[in-house]
Amino acid sequence: MKQKTLLAAKNAWQEAEAILVGSGAGMGVDSGLPDFRGDSGFWKAYPPLKKLGVQFEEIADPHWFKKNPALAWGFYGHRFNLYRKTKPHEGFKILLEKNCEEKIPMFIFTSNVDGHFQKTGFQENQIMECHGSLMHFQCIEECGQPIWPIGPDLHLQINTDNLLAKEPLPSCPQCGSLARPNILMFSDFAWNSTRTYAQRQRFEKWIDKLNNKKLLIIELGAGTNIPTVRLTCEEVYQSTGNQFIRVNPRESKCELQNTLSLPMGAKDAIKVISQKY
């Protein structure tokens, strides 16, 4: 990486009057969360699924909540427990300090479902979780119960040998039916998108109210496999942004003009560009 590129990124950070953070899976990996890139990475995190030959795209499908609820909640319950106990890395705190201490308006657009931006201290009204959140549930029977947040005392018991969740499984507070995470899965036609839709409306209003502020878009750990974050950041940059930094250790290249590419992990990049001269 050229020193000139790093210096330009530091300048963009210092001069920003507003910041849009685009966050993908790489942001969580730096906190110690598993990398699901390829079957080898996924099966390393979930050996019982390797024995069954079940890939990520297969288990992350809502039909399992009816076919095998214990396995479905074993997988998502394990992720939930892991997200709850994992501490967000230092980069989250640096972003929050930029937002709060320097009074720099900031919005988070993330594909992550771990709730770590809220855990760090960001407010609900400045976050859009485009794939939903594992920290919120919905009723599998669509009984009319609105999406509800998970209580602080929930801990799912998982048999690590077979990845089966033990009873009682999460249930709907209104009708008592099985609950599922309020996240967008593969082949998911029953996802309740009302919470994310409201977040999108707030996101669009935030963009509209920038009033020609010098907007820095910093994209962190968003890959091309599921490109929602990358495409959104590019779209906003083309219409509104002044500076664009793409941070990714493997896929940092950007075809748009006058953009900066940092082939680094999210945590290291945030630490470097935020350092004073």
Protein backbone atom coordinates (compact mmCIF):
# COMPACT_ATOMS: atom_id res chain seq x y z
CA MET A 1 0.00 0.00 0.00
CA LYS A 2 1.35 3.40 -1.00
CA GLN A 3 2.07 5.95 1.74
CA LYS A 4 0.34 8.53 -0.45
CA THR A 5 -2.92 6.55 -0.29
CA LEU A 6 -2.72 6.25 3.49
CA LEU A 7 -2.05 9.97 3.85
CA ALA A 8 -5.04 10.77 1.63
CA ALA A 9 -7.23 8.51 3.78
CA LYS A 10 -6.06 10.26 6.95
CA ASN A 11 -6.82 13.64 5.36
CA ALA A 12 -10.30 12.48 4.36
CA TRP A 13 -10.95 11.32 7.94
CA GLN A 14 -9.79 14.62 9.42
CA GLU A 15 -11.69 16.79 6.96
CA ALA A 16 -14.99 14.88 6.99
CA GLU A 17 -18.06 16.84 8.05
CA ALA A 18 -20.24 13.69 8.01
CA ILE A 19 -19.42 9.99 7.75
CA LEU A 20 -21.31 7.04 6.31
CA VAL A 21 -19.90 3.75 7.60
CA GLY A 22 -20.59 0.72 5.41
CA SER A 23 -19.90 -2.40 7.45
CA GLY A 24 -19.66 -6.00 6.25
CA ALA A 25 -18.59 -9.32 7.75
CA GLY A 26 -14.93 -8.28 7.89
CA MET A 27 -15.79 -5.77 10.60
CA GLY A 28 -16.92 -8.59 12.90
CA VAL A 29 -14.07 -10.94 11.99
CA ASP A 30 -11.66 -8.47 13.59
CA SER A 31 -13.56 -8.91 16.87
CA GLY A 32 -12.86 -12.64 16.70
CA LEU A 33 -16.10 -13.76 15.05
CA PRO A 34 -15.77 -16.68 12.60
CA ASP A 35 -15.17 -16.11 8.90
CA PHE A 36 -17.70 -18.01 6.81
CA ARG A 37 -15.76 -17.58 3.56
CA GLY A 38 -16.05 -20.92 1.78
CA ASP A 39 -17.11 -24.27 3.20
CA SER A 40 -13.78 -24.76 5.00
CA GLY A 41 -14.19 -21.60 7.11
CA PHE A 42 -17.82 -22.34 7.86
CA TRP A 43 -17.29 -26.00 8.73
CA LYS A 44 -14.34 -25.11 10.94
CA ALA A 45 -16.77 -23.06 13.04
CA TYR A 46 -19.51 -25.73 12.91
CA PRO A 47 -18.01 -29.27 12.81
CA PRO A 48 -21.42 -31.01 13.30
CA LEU A 49 -22.65 -29.43 10.06
CA LYS A 50 -19.51 -30.67 8.29
CA LYS A 51 -20.45 -34.21 9.34
CA LEU A 52 -23.89 -33.66 7.82
CA GLY A 53 -22.41 -32.01 4.71
CA VAL A 54 -24.62 -28.97 5.27
CA GLN A 55 -23.25 -25.73 3.86
CA PHE A 56 -23.91 -22.20 5.12
CA GLU A 57 -26.34 -21.43 2.29
CA GLU A 58 -28.32 -24.54 3.26
CA ILE A 59 -28.55 -24.07 7.04
CA ALA A 60 -29.26 -20.33 6.68
CA ASP A 61 -32.68 -21.15 5.24
CA PRO A 62 -35.95 -20.63 7.15
CA HIS A 63 -37.35 -24.03 6.22
CA TRP A 64 -35.19 -25.58 8.97
CA PHE A 65 -37.36 -23.93 11.64
CA LYS A 66 -40.17 -26.25 10.55
CA LYS A 67 -38.12 -29.23 9.38
CA ASN A 68 -35.78 -29.39 12.39
CA PRO A 69 -36.34 -26.52 14.88
CA ALA A 70 -33.70 -27.82 17.31
CA LEU A 71 -31.01 -27.73 14.60
CA ALA A 72 -32.16 -24.35 13.29
CA TRP A 73 -31.97 -22.86 16.76
CA GLY A 74 -28.74 -24.75 17.43
CA PHE A 75 -27.11 -22.87 14.58
CA TYR A 76 -28.66 -19.46 15.24
CA GLY A 77 -28.55 -19.90 19.00
CA HIS A 78 -24.83 -20.60 18.86
CA ARG A 79 -24.33 -17.44 16.81
CA PHE A 80 -26.52 -15.47 19.20
CA ASN A 81 -24.57 -16.64 22.25
CA LEU A 82 -21.29 -15.87 20.48
CA TYR A 83 -22.38 -12.36 19.47
CA ARG A 84 -23.57 -11.67 23.01
CA LYS A 85 -20.29 -12.64 24.66
CA THR A 86 -17.93 -11.13 22.04
CA LYS A 87 -16.59 -7.65 22.72
CA PRO A 88 -16.56 -5.33 19.68
CA HIS A 89 -13.00 -4.41 18.73
CA GLU A 90 -11.34 -1.05 19.26
CA GLY A 91 -12.36 0.25 15.84
CA PHE A 92 -16.00 0.48 16.92
CA LYS A 93 -15.04 2.74 19.82
CA ILE A 94 -12.92 4.99 17.59
CA LEU A 95 -15.88 5.49 15.25
CA LEU A 96 -18.18 6.27 18.19
CA GLU A 97 -15.71 8.82 19.57
CA LYS A 98 -15.52 10.51 16.17
CA ASN A 99 -19.30 10.70 16.17
CA CYS A 100 -19.84 11.83 19.76
CA GLU A 101 -16.73 13.73 20.84
CA GLU A 102 -16.09 15.53 17.55
CA LYS A 103 -19.83 15.90 16.85
CA ILE A 104 -19.40 14.45 13.35
CA PRO A 105 -22.79 13.22 12.05
CA MET A 106 -22.55 9.49 11.34
CA PHE A 107 -24.78 6.75 9.98
CA ILE A 108 -24.08 3.02 9.91
CA PHE A 109 -25.21 0.84 7.00
CA THR A 110 -24.39 -2.76 7.88
CA SER A 111 -25.08 -6.27 6.67
CA ASN A 112 -24.01 -7.66 10.03
CA VAL A 113 -26.73 -9.08 12.28
CA ASP A 114 -24.69 -9.13 15.53
CA GLY A 115 -25.91 -5.87 17.09
CA HIS A 116 -22.33 -4.77 17.83
CA PHE A 117 -22.82 -1.16 16.80
CA GLN A 118 -25.63 -0.85 19.35
CA LYS A 119 -23.50 -2.71 21.86
CA THR A 120 -20.74 -0.13 21.35
CA GLY A 121 -23.10 2.77 22.03
CA PHE A 122 -24.47 3.87 18.67
CA GLN A 123 -28.13 4.84 18.73
CA GLU A 124 -30.82 2.80 17.01
CA ASN A 125 -31.81 5.79 14.87
CA GLN A 126 -28.39 5.97 13.20
CA ILE A 127 -28.13 2.33 12.10
CA MET A 128 -29.57 0.40 9.17
CA GLU A 129 -29.20 -3.38 9.37
CA CYS A 130 -30.02 -4.35 5.79
CA HIS A 131 -30.28 -8.06 6.60
CA GLY A 132 -32.05 -7.64 9.93
CA SER A 133 -30.79 -8.47 13.40
CA LEU A 134 -30.25 -11.64 15.40
CA MET A 135 -31.00 -9.53 18.46
CA HIS A 136 -34.67 -9.37 17.38
CA PHE A 137 -37.24 -12.13 16.85
CA GLN A 138 -40.39 -12.64 14.80
CA CYS A 139 -43.18 -15.21 14.98
CA ILE A 140 -42.80 -18.09 12.54
CA GLU A 141 -46.58 -18.27 12.14
CA GLU A 142 -46.91 -14.55 11.35
CA CYS A 143 -49.68 -14.19 13.95
CA GLY A 144 -49.51 -10.39 13.97
CA GLN A 145 -47.05 -10.05 16.83
CA PRO A 146 -44.67 -7.18 15.99
CA ILE A 147 -40.92 -7.83 15.89
CA TRP A 148 -39.59 -7.88 19.44
CA PRO A 149 -36.11 -7.37 20.95
CA ILE A 150 -34.45 -10.19 22.82
CA GLY A 151 -34.26 -9.84 26.59
CA PRO A 152 -30.87 -9.58 28.30
CA ASP A 153 -31.29 -12.89 30.15
CA LEU A 154 -31.78 -15.16 27.15
CA HIS A 155 -29.10 -17.83 26.75
CA LEU A 156 -29.75 -20.80 24.52
CA GLN A 157 -28.37 -24.16 25.61
CA ILE A 158 -26.67 -25.91 22.68
CA ASN A 159 -25.37 -29.49 22.50
CA THR A 160 -21.94 -28.95 20.95
CA ASP A 161 -21.72 -32.55 19.70
CA ASN A 162 -24.71 -32.32 17.36
CA LEU A 163 -25.51 -28.57 17.37
CA LEU A 164 -29.03 -29.19 18.63
CA ALA A 165 -30.64 -26.55 20.86
CA LYS A 166 -32.25 -27.76 24.04
CA GLU A 167 -35.82 -27.00 25.04
CA PRO A 168 -37.42 -24.58 25.59
CA LEU A 169 -36.86 -22.95 22.22
CA PRO A 170 -37.73 -19.25 21.80
CA SER A 171 -41.46 -18.69 21.34
CA CYS A 172 -43.83 -15.93 20.34
CA PRO A 173 -45.14 -13.94 23.33
CA GLN A 174 -48.54 -13.55 21.67
CA CYS A 175 -49.46 -16.99 20.29
CA GLY A 176 -46.80 -19.27 21.77
CA SER A 177 -45.59 -20.53 18.38
CA LEU A 178 -41.93 -20.97 17.57
CA ALA A 179 -39.95 -17.77 17.15
CA ARG A 180 -37.20 -17.20 14.59
CA PRO A 181 -34.53 -14.52 14.23
CA ASN A 182 -35.63 -11.39 12.40
CA ILE A 183 -32.91 -11.76 9.78
CA LEU A 184 -33.10 -12.20 6.03
CA MET A 185 -32.10 -15.77 5.20
CA PHE A 186 -31.69 -17.52 1.87
CA SER A 187 -34.97 -18.29 0.04
CA ASP A 188 -36.71 -16.29 2.74
CA PHE A 189 -40.19 -15.14 1.77
CA ALA A 190 -41.46 -14.80 5.34
CA TRP A 191 -38.92 -12.29 6.67
CA ASN A 192 -40.67 -9.44 8.45
CA SER A 193 -38.94 -6.40 6.95
CA THR A 194 -40.86 -3.70 8.83
CA ARG A 195 -38.02 -2.87 11.22
CA THR A 196 -35.42 -2.68 8.45
CA TYR A 197 -37.80 -0.66 6.26
CA ALA A 198 -38.13 1.92 9.03
CA GLN A 199 -34.33 1.99 9.31
CA ARG A 200 -34.07 2.59 5.56
CA GLN A 201 -36.43 5.54 5.80
CA ARG A 202 -34.24 7.08 8.52
CA PHE A 203 -31.14 6.40 6.41
CA GLU A 204 -32.60 8.15 3.37
CA LYS A 205 -33.68 11.13 5.49
CA TRP A 206 -30.17 11.36 6.96
CA ILE A 207 -28.69 11.48 3.45
CA ASP A 208 -31.20 14.14 2.39
CA LYS A 209 -30.33 16.35 5.37
CA LEU A 210 -26.58 16.48 4.80
CA ASN A 211 -26.95 19.94 3.25
CA ASN A 212 -23.77 19.79 1.16
CA LYS A 213 -21.62 18.63 4.09
CA LYS A 214 -18.34 17.03 3.06
CA LEU A 215 -19.37 13.36 3.27
CA LEU A 216 -16.79 10.63 3.79
CA ILE A 217 -17.92 7.10 2.98
CA ILE A 218 -15.78 4.44 4.62
CA GLU A 219 -16.58 0.86 3.67
CA LEU A 220 -15.22 -1.75 6.07
CA GLY A 221 -14.87 -5.46 5.35
CA ALA A 222 -17.68 -5.71 2.79
CA GLY A 223 -17.06 -8.42 0.20
CA THR A 224 -18.38 -9.17 -3.28
CA ASN A 225 -20.09 -12.46 -2.40
CA ILE A 226 -23.12 -10.61 -1.02
CA PRO A 227 -22.45 -7.10 -2.35
CA THR A 228 -25.29 -5.13 -0.72
CA VAL A 229 -23.01 -2.92 1.37
CA ARG A 230 -20.53 -2.30 -1.45
CA LEU A 231 -23.25 -1.35 -3.92
CA THR A 232 -24.98 0.94 -1.44
CA CYS A 233 -21.75 2.75 -0.57
CA GLU A 234 -20.91 3.18 -4.25
CA GLU A 235 -24.40 4.51 -4.99
CA VAL A 236 -24.26 7.08 -2.20
CA TYR A 237 -20.76 8.14 -3.22
CA GLN A 238 -21.82 8.70 -6.81
CA SER A 239 -24.79 10.83 -5.78
CA THR A 240 -23.66 12.59 -2.61
CA GLY A 241 -20.21 11.65 -1.34
CA ASN A 242 -17.00 13.62 -1.47
CA GLN A 243 -14.55 10.90 -0.38
CA PHE A 244 -14.73 7.11 -0.52
CA ILE A 245 -12.39 4.70 1.29
CA ARG A 246 -12.77 0.96 0.65
CA VAL A 247 -11.15 -1.19 3.33
CA ASN A 248 -10.80 -4.90 2.64
CA PRO A 249 -7.77 -7.21 2.99
CA ARG A 250 -8.71 -9.21 -0.14
CA GLU A 251 -11.17 -7.14 -2.21
CA SER A 252 -10.21 -3.51 -1.77
CA LYS A 253 -10.25 -2.56 -5.46
CA CYS A 254 -12.81 0.03 -6.55
CA GLU A 255 -13.56 0.94 -10.16
CA LEU A 256 -15.00 4.35 -9.33
CA GLN A 257 -12.83 7.40 -9.87
CA ASN A 258 -11.06 9.28 -7.07
CA THR A 259 -11.55 6.54 -4.48
CA LEU A 260 -9.07 5.13 -1.97
CA SER A 261 -8.38 1.41 -1.48
CA LEU A 262 -6.81 0.11 1.72
CA PRO A 263 -5.94 -3.63 1.61
CA MET A 264 -6.18 -3.99 5.40
CA GLY A 265 -8.43 -5.35 8.09
CA ALA A 266 -11.16 -3.04 9.38
CA LYS A 267 -9.75 -2.57 12.90
CA ASP A 268 -6.21 -1.75 11.74
CA ALA A 269 -7.45 0.62 9.05
CA ILE A 270 -9.64 2.59 11.46
CA LYS A 271 -6.78 2.85 13.96
CA VAL A 272 -4.32 4.03 11.31
CA ILE A 273 -6.43 6.62 9.55
CA SER A 274 -7.71 8.07 12.83
CA GLN A 275 -4.24 8.68 14.25
CA LYS A 276 -3.29 12.34 14.53
CA TYR A 277 -0.29 13.50 12.52
